[in-house]
């Protein structure tokens, strides 16, 4: 197993141990490690997903570049 995958699995196992301890304190039945692992995977799969865009793009999103007023442009001339 690659090192990165091993580190992820150890991290999930550590998180499960903390979760299991908290469930014991709350007197709740913890889910098995395999289900916890699948739950983490499903949550990570949903994270940072770009929502599907429906319909035409809004004209409010496009803002043309702002041009400075021409009165601010001064030409240097002889004094």
C-alpha atoms as a PDB file:
ATOM      1  CA  UNK A   1       0.000   0.000   0.000  1.00  0.00           C
ATOM      2  CA  UNK A   2       1.373   3.428  -0.828  1.00  0.00           C
ATOM      3  CA  UNK A   3       2.450   5.597   2.063  1.00  0.00           C
ATOM      4  CA  UNK A   4      -0.271   8.204   1.462  1.00  0.00           C
ATOM      5  CA  UNK A   5      -3.026   5.579   1.612  1.00  0.00           C
ATOM      6  CA  UNK A   6      -1.538   4.129   4.781  1.00  0.00           C
ATOM      7  CA  UNK A   7      -1.492   7.566   6.433  1.00  0.00           C
ATOM      8  CA  UNK A   8      -5.137   8.147   5.455  1.00  0.00           C
ATOM      9  CA  UNK A   9      -6.169   4.765   6.899  1.00  0.00           C
ATOM     10  CA  UNK A  10      -4.314   5.405  10.167  1.00  0.00           C
ATOM     11  CA  UNK A  11      -5.919   8.853  10.412  1.00  0.00           C
ATOM     12  CA  UNK A  12      -9.395   7.399   9.896  1.00  0.00           C
ATOM     13  CA  UNK A  13      -8.701   4.690  12.485  1.00  0.00           C
ATOM     14  CA  UNK A  14      -7.579   7.338  14.994  1.00  0.00           C
ATOM     15  CA  UNK A  15     -10.703   9.392  14.282  1.00  0.00           C
ATOM     16  CA  UNK A  16     -12.836   6.273  14.802  1.00  0.00           C
ATOM     17  CA  UNK A  17     -11.195   5.615  18.176  1.00  0.00           C
ATOM     18  CA  UNK A  18     -12.060   9.160  19.274  1.00  0.00           C
ATOM     19  CA  UNK A  19     -15.600   8.714  17.916  1.00  0.00           C
ATOM     20  CA  UNK A  20     -15.923   5.388  19.764  1.00  0.00           C
ATOM     21  CA  UNK A  21     -14.742   6.977  23.030  1.00  0.00           C
ATOM     22  CA  UNK A  22     -17.281   9.795  22.630  1.00  0.00           C
ATOM     23  CA  UNK A  23     -20.062   7.288  21.945  1.00  0.00           C
ATOM     24  CA  UNK A  24     -19.115   5.395  25.102  1.00  0.00           C
ATOM     25  CA  UNK A  25     -19.333   8.620  27.117  1.00  0.00           C
ATOM     26  CA  UNK A  26     -22.754   9.362  25.619  1.00  0.00           C
ATOM     27  CA  UNK A  27     -23.835   5.734  26.120  1.00  0.00           C
ATOM     28  CA  UNK A  28     -24.548   5.317  22.401  1.00  0.00           C
ATOM     29  CA  UNK A  29     -23.662   2.363  20.225  1.00  0.00           C
ATOM     30  CA  UNK A  30     -20.813   3.321  17.838  1.00  0.00           C
ATOM     31  CA  UNK A  31     -20.846   2.259  14.205  1.00  0.00           C
ATOM     32  CA  UNK A  32     -18.271  -0.345  13.169  1.00  0.00           C
ATOM     33  CA  UNK A  33     -14.929   0.830  11.788  1.00  0.00           C
ATOM     34  CA  UNK A  34     -15.816  -0.294   8.265  1.00  0.00           C
ATOM     35  CA  UNK A  35     -19.052   1.729   8.260  1.00  0.00           C
ATOM     36  CA  UNK A  36     -17.195   4.720   9.727  1.00  0.00           C
ATOM     37  CA  UNK A  37     -14.594   4.420   6.955  1.00  0.00           C
ATOM     38  CA  UNK A  38     -17.330   4.295   4.291  1.00  0.00           C
ATOM     39  CA  UNK A  39     -19.061   7.285   5.874  1.00  0.00           C
ATOM     40  CA  UNK A  40     -15.846   9.316   5.759  1.00  0.00           C
ATOM     41  CA  UNK A  41     -15.303   8.308   2.123  1.00  0.00           C
ATOM     42  CA  UNK A  42     -18.857   9.313   1.151  1.00  0.00           C
ATOM     43  CA  UNK A  43     -18.513  12.658   2.920  1.00  0.00           C
ATOM     44  CA  UNK A  44     -15.179  13.403   1.255  1.00  0.00           C
ATOM     45  CA  UNK A  45     -16.650  12.474  -2.114  1.00  0.00           C
ATOM     46  CA  UNK A  46     -19.369  15.105  -1.647  1.00  0.00           C
ATOM     47  CA  UNK A  47     -16.981  17.804  -0.414  1.00  0.00           C
ATOM     48  CA  UNK A  48     -15.868  20.554  -2.799  1.00  0.00           C
ATOM     49  CA  UNK A  49     -18.250  19.448  -5.516  1.00  0.00           C
ATOM     50  CA  UNK A  50     -19.283  22.216  -7.882  1.00  0.00           C
ATOM     51  CA  UNK A  51     -23.081  22.366  -8.071  1.00  0.00           C
ATOM     52  CA  UNK A  52     -24.585  21.848 -11.514  1.00  0.00           C
ATOM     53  CA  UNK A  53     -25.529  25.093 -13.214  1.00  0.00           C
ATOM     54  CA  UNK A  54     -29.027  25.224 -14.647  1.00  0.00           C
ATOM     55  CA  UNK A  55     -30.331  27.758 -17.141  1.00  0.00           C
ATOM     56  CA  UNK A  56     -28.697  30.709 -18.800  1.00  0.00           C
ATOM     57  CA  UNK A  57     -25.853  32.542 -17.096  1.00  0.00           C
ATOM     58  CA  UNK A  58     -26.884  35.634 -15.215  1.00  0.00           C
ATOM     59  CA  UNK A  59     -25.974  39.003 -16.692  1.00  0.00           C
ATOM     60  CA  UNK A  60     -25.230  40.200 -13.142  1.00  0.00           C
ATOM     61  CA  UNK A  61     -22.206  37.926 -12.987  1.00  0.00           C
ATOM     62  CA  UNK A  62     -20.457  39.690 -15.879  1.00  0.00           C
ATOM     63  CA  UNK A  63     -19.052  43.077 -15.031  1.00  0.00           C
ATOM     64  CA  UNK A  64     -17.117  44.879 -17.761  1.00  0.00           C
ATOM     65  CA  UNK A  65     -13.753  46.312 -16.742  1.00  0.00           C
ATOM     66  CA  UNK A  66     -13.972  49.774 -15.230  1.00  0.00           C
ATOM     67  CA  UNK A  67     -12.394  52.508 -17.367  1.00  0.00           C
ATOM     68  CA  UNK A  68     -11.008  55.508 -15.498  1.00  0.00           C
ATOM     69  CA  UNK A  69     -12.669  58.811 -16.464  1.00  0.00           C
ATOM     70  CA  UNK A  70     -10.863  60.673 -19.233  1.00  0.00           C
ATOM     71  CA  UNK A  71     -10.636  63.791 -17.028  1.00  0.00           C
ATOM     72  CA  UNK A  72      -8.061  62.010 -14.879  1.00  0.00           C
ATOM     73  CA  UNK A  73      -5.637  61.710 -17.785  1.00  0.00           C
ATOM     74  CA  UNK A  74      -3.481  64.827 -17.779  1.00  0.00           C
ATOM     75  CA  UNK A  75      -0.992  65.496 -20.473  1.00  0.00           C
ATOM     76  CA  UNK A  76       2.312  66.921 -19.444  1.00  0.00           C
ATOM     77  CA  UNK A  77       3.228  70.039 -21.357  1.00  0.00           C
ATOM     78  CA  UNK A  78       5.901  72.718 -21.223  1.00  0.00           C
ATOM     79  CA  UNK A  79       5.710  75.033 -18.276  1.00  0.00           C
END
